[in-house]
Amino acid sequence: MNSSHLPSAVRSEHAADACTSVHSMHLRVNGQRHDIEIPSWVTLLDLLRERLHLTGTKKGCDHGQCGACTVLADGQRINACLTLAVMQEGVDITTVEGLPALAGEEASGNGLHPLQQAFMDHDAFQCGYCTPGQLCSAVGLLNEGGARTADDMRERMSGNLCRCGAYPQIVQAVSQIAGIRVKSAAFPGSAGPLTESQP
């Protein structure tokens, strides 16, 4: 059928498909190389979830405002929803699924990254939707260094939102691994008002 006989909306869709450039690229995700062909408009988040089936990385706001999609790119934390997959050519991506391998010999007895174990020990989650992004952000924070107090840590992780309000426990868990002392002065089971001191 001649395309001029198609409805205008259908013609526009066909034209968009014809103009979409497909890129051949490679990247390493959790230590495994992937050679893929992908349209230029696909985000890293959608690549991870829909093509590589790594659904630990969550799609929250899809606008870079909640941090649920935080992953590590060459050790630095990024929002996977805000970067195109093709921009990560040759980059080493780590998602929450890859954190245990990243820990290597420092992994806990049950094979978890020390931060994952600390989150469990401090009950630093409720619904768990934000937890993968919180964990990857915390690993990035440790890689960056420079967080000396709980306030430093809160500021540097402020892009990761927890709608359940588990922030006190998250602070305790990350502080334990970062070597920041956090004291609780409230009722048992609560982080309460936070004060901190240098170890």
Protein backbone atom coordinates (compact mmCIF):
# COMPACT_ATOMS: atom_id res chain seq x y z
CA MET A 1 0.00 0.00 0.00
CA ASN A 2 1.23 3.50 -0.82
CA SER A 3 2.05 5.30 2.40
CA SER A 4 0.15 8.37 1.21
CA HIS A 5 -3.09 6.37 1.67
CA LEU A 6 -2.36 5.75 5.37
CA PRO A 7 -3.86 7.94 8.12
CA SER A 8 -1.53 10.78 9.11
CA ALA A 9 -0.91 9.36 12.62
CA VAL A 10 0.15 6.01 11.15
CA ARG A 11 2.36 7.74 8.56
CA SER A 12 4.08 9.68 11.36
CA GLU A 13 4.72 6.49 13.31
CA HIS A 14 6.22 4.77 10.28
CA ALA A 15 8.40 7.81 9.60
CA ALA A 16 9.64 7.83 13.20
CA ASP A 17 10.50 4.11 12.99
CA ALA A 18 12.37 4.68 9.75
CA CYS A 19 14.39 7.53 11.30
CA THR A 20 15.24 5.70 14.53
CA SER A 21 18.92 4.94 14.58
CA VAL A 22 19.98 1.62 16.04
CA HIS A 23 23.41 1.45 17.65
CA SER A 24 25.63 -1.53 18.18
CA MET A 25 27.36 -1.17 21.51
CA HIS A 26 28.93 -3.07 24.35
CA LEU A 27 28.96 -2.53 28.05
CA ARG A 28 29.79 -4.59 31.09
CA VAL A 29 27.00 -5.13 33.57
CA ASN A 30 27.90 -6.79 36.86
CA GLY A 31 31.12 -8.06 35.33
CA GLN A 32 29.52 -9.60 32.24
CA ARG A 33 30.04 -8.14 28.78
CA HIS A 34 26.94 -7.49 26.68
CA ASP A 35 27.06 -6.76 22.96
CA ILE A 36 23.70 -5.32 21.97
CA GLU A 37 21.91 -3.35 19.30
CA ILE A 38 19.62 -0.73 20.72
CA PRO A 39 17.71 2.34 19.51
CA SER A 40 19.35 5.61 20.46
CA TRP A 41 16.42 6.73 22.61
CA VAL A 42 16.43 3.79 25.08
CA THR A 43 17.46 4.74 28.60
CA LEU A 44 19.95 2.73 30.61
CA LEU A 45 17.14 1.95 33.07
CA ASP A 46 14.94 0.41 30.37
CA LEU A 47 17.90 -1.50 28.94
CA LEU A 48 18.68 -3.00 32.34
CA ARG A 49 15.11 -3.92 33.18
CA GLU A 50 13.61 -4.87 29.83
CA ARG A 51 16.52 -6.20 27.78
CA LEU A 52 18.84 -7.60 30.45
CA HIS A 53 16.06 -8.53 32.93
CA LEU A 54 17.89 -6.95 35.88
CA THR A 55 14.77 -5.80 37.66
CA GLY A 56 16.48 -4.95 40.94
CA THR A 57 16.96 -1.44 39.56
CA LYS A 58 13.58 0.21 40.07
CA LYS A 59 11.64 2.63 37.93
CA GLY A 60 10.14 5.19 40.27
CA CYS A 61 9.58 8.73 39.04
CA ASP A 62 11.41 8.27 35.70
CA HIS A 63 12.53 11.91 36.06
CA GLY A 64 15.67 11.61 38.21
CA GLN A 65 13.95 12.85 41.35
CA CYS A 66 13.58 9.73 43.54
CA GLY A 67 16.85 7.81 43.16
CA ALA A 68 15.18 4.39 42.90
CA CYS A 69 17.09 3.73 39.66
CA THR A 70 20.55 4.55 41.04
CA VAL A 71 23.31 2.32 39.65
CA LEU A 72 27.09 2.60 39.53
CA ALA A 73 28.87 3.57 36.32
CA ASP A 74 32.60 2.91 36.69
CA GLY A 75 32.04 3.16 40.44
CA GLN A 76 30.21 6.48 40.29
CA ARG A 77 26.50 6.65 41.08
CA ILE A 78 24.13 7.80 38.37
CA ASN A 79 20.37 7.84 37.80
CA ALA A 80 19.78 5.20 35.14
CA CYS A 81 16.54 6.89 34.04
CA LEU A 82 18.41 10.06 33.04
CA THR A 83 21.09 8.56 30.83
CA LEU A 84 20.72 6.98 27.42
CA ALA A 85 22.07 3.47 27.16
CA VAL A 86 24.25 4.44 24.17
CA MET A 87 26.04 7.00 26.36
CA GLN A 88 27.41 4.14 28.47
CA GLU A 89 29.39 2.49 25.69
CA GLY A 90 32.26 0.56 27.26
CA VAL A 91 31.28 1.57 30.80
CA ASP A 92 31.28 -0.92 33.68
CA ILE A 93 27.77 -0.82 35.19
CA THR A 94 26.99 -2.30 38.60
CA THR A 95 23.40 -2.84 39.70
CA VAL A 96 22.18 -4.07 43.06
CA GLU A 97 22.44 -7.64 41.73
CA GLY A 98 26.19 -7.14 41.27
CA LEU A 99 26.99 -5.71 44.71
CA PRO A 100 27.97 -9.06 46.33
CA ALA A 101 30.57 -9.72 43.61
CA LEU A 102 31.79 -6.14 43.97
CA ALA A 103 32.47 -6.79 47.66
CA GLY A 104 34.73 -9.75 46.86
CA GLU A 105 36.38 -11.10 49.99
CA GLU A 106 34.57 -8.51 52.10
CA ALA A 107 31.23 -10.17 51.38
CA SER A 108 29.45 -11.45 54.47
CA GLY A 109 29.12 -15.14 55.29
CA ASN A 110 25.84 -15.34 53.41
CA GLY A 111 27.37 -13.76 50.30
CA LEU A 112 25.99 -10.25 50.74
CA HIS A 113 27.81 -6.97 50.27
CA PRO A 114 28.60 -5.52 53.73
CA LEU A 115 26.08 -2.73 53.09
CA GLN A 116 23.36 -5.24 52.25
CA GLN A 117 24.08 -7.05 55.50
CA ALA A 118 24.05 -3.76 57.42
CA PHE A 119 20.66 -2.85 55.91
CA MET A 120 19.34 -6.17 57.17
CA ASP A 121 20.94 -5.80 60.60
CA HIS A 122 19.46 -2.32 61.09
CA ASP A 123 16.10 -3.08 59.42
CA ALA A 124 16.83 -0.21 57.03
CA PHE A 125 13.85 -0.79 54.75
CA GLN A 126 10.11 -1.29 54.86
CA CYS A 127 8.50 -1.83 51.48
CA GLY A 128 11.98 -2.20 49.94
CA TYR A 129 11.25 -0.38 46.68
CA CYS A 130 13.91 2.25 47.23
CA THR A 131 16.43 -0.15 48.77
CA PRO A 132 18.38 -1.09 45.60
CA GLY A 133 18.91 2.58 44.78
CA GLN A 134 19.80 3.37 48.39
CA LEU A 135 22.38 0.57 48.41
CA CYS A 136 24.00 1.61 45.12
CA SER A 137 24.03 5.23 46.23
CA ALA A 138 25.67 4.25 49.52
CA VAL A 139 28.36 2.26 47.69
CA GLY A 140 28.99 5.30 45.49
CA LEU A 141 29.18 7.45 48.60
CA LEU A 142 31.84 5.16 50.08
CA ASN A 143 33.76 5.21 46.78
CA GLU A 144 33.74 9.01 46.78
CA GLY A 145 34.92 9.29 50.39
CA GLY A 146 34.74 12.53 52.31
CA ALA A 147 31.56 11.81 54.32
CA ARG A 148 32.74 12.32 57.91
CA THR A 149 29.46 12.78 59.73
CA ALA A 150 25.89 11.52 59.48
CA ASP A 151 24.90 14.97 58.22
CA ASP A 152 27.47 14.66 55.42
CA MET A 153 26.01 11.30 54.54
CA ARG A 154 22.40 12.52 54.61
CA GLU A 155 23.31 15.43 52.35
CA ARG A 156 25.15 13.24 49.85
CA MET A 157 22.31 10.70 49.72
CA SER A 158 19.52 13.29 49.64
CA GLY A 159 18.67 12.31 46.07
CA ASN A 160 17.42 8.92 47.28
CA LEU A 161 13.90 9.11 48.67
CA CYS A 162 12.23 6.60 50.99
CA ARG A 163 8.48 7.02 51.09
CA CYS A 164 8.27 4.69 54.09
CA GLY A 165 10.51 6.98 56.15
CA ALA A 166 13.23 4.46 57.01
CA TYR A 167 15.88 7.18 56.95
CA PRO A 168 17.10 6.75 60.57
CA GLN A 169 17.82 3.06 59.99
CA ILE A 170 19.42 3.78 56.61
CA VAL A 171 21.70 6.32 58.29
CA GLN A 172 22.65 3.77 60.94
CA ALA A 173 23.37 1.05 58.36
CA VAL A 174 25.52 3.21 56.10
CA SER A 175 27.26 4.84 59.06
CA GLN A 176 28.25 1.42 60.38
CA ILE A 177 30.07 0.59 57.14
CA ALA A 178 31.46 4.10 56.68
CA GLY A 179 32.87 4.09 60.23
CA ILE A 180 30.77 7.05 61.37
CA ARG A 181 29.53 6.76 64.92
CA VAL A 182 25.83 7.50 65.31
CA LYS A 183 24.29 7.63 68.76
CA SER A 184 20.61 7.13 69.48
CA ALA A 185 18.88 9.00 72.28
CA ALA A 186 15.31 7.88 71.85
CA PHE A 187 13.22 4.80 72.52
CA PRO A 188 14.49 1.28 71.75
CA GLY A 189 14.23 0.32 68.10
CA SER A 190 14.35 3.91 66.90
CA ALA A 191 17.29 5.89 65.66
CA GLY A 192 15.80 8.94 67.34
CA PRO A 193 17.53 12.31 67.21
CA LEU A 194 20.86 11.69 65.57
CA THR A 195 24.16 12.96 66.82
CA GLU A 196 27.47 11.78 65.59
CA SER A 197 31.10 11.89 66.49
CA GLN A 198 34.33 10.94 64.86
CA PRO A 199 35.58 7.40 65.62
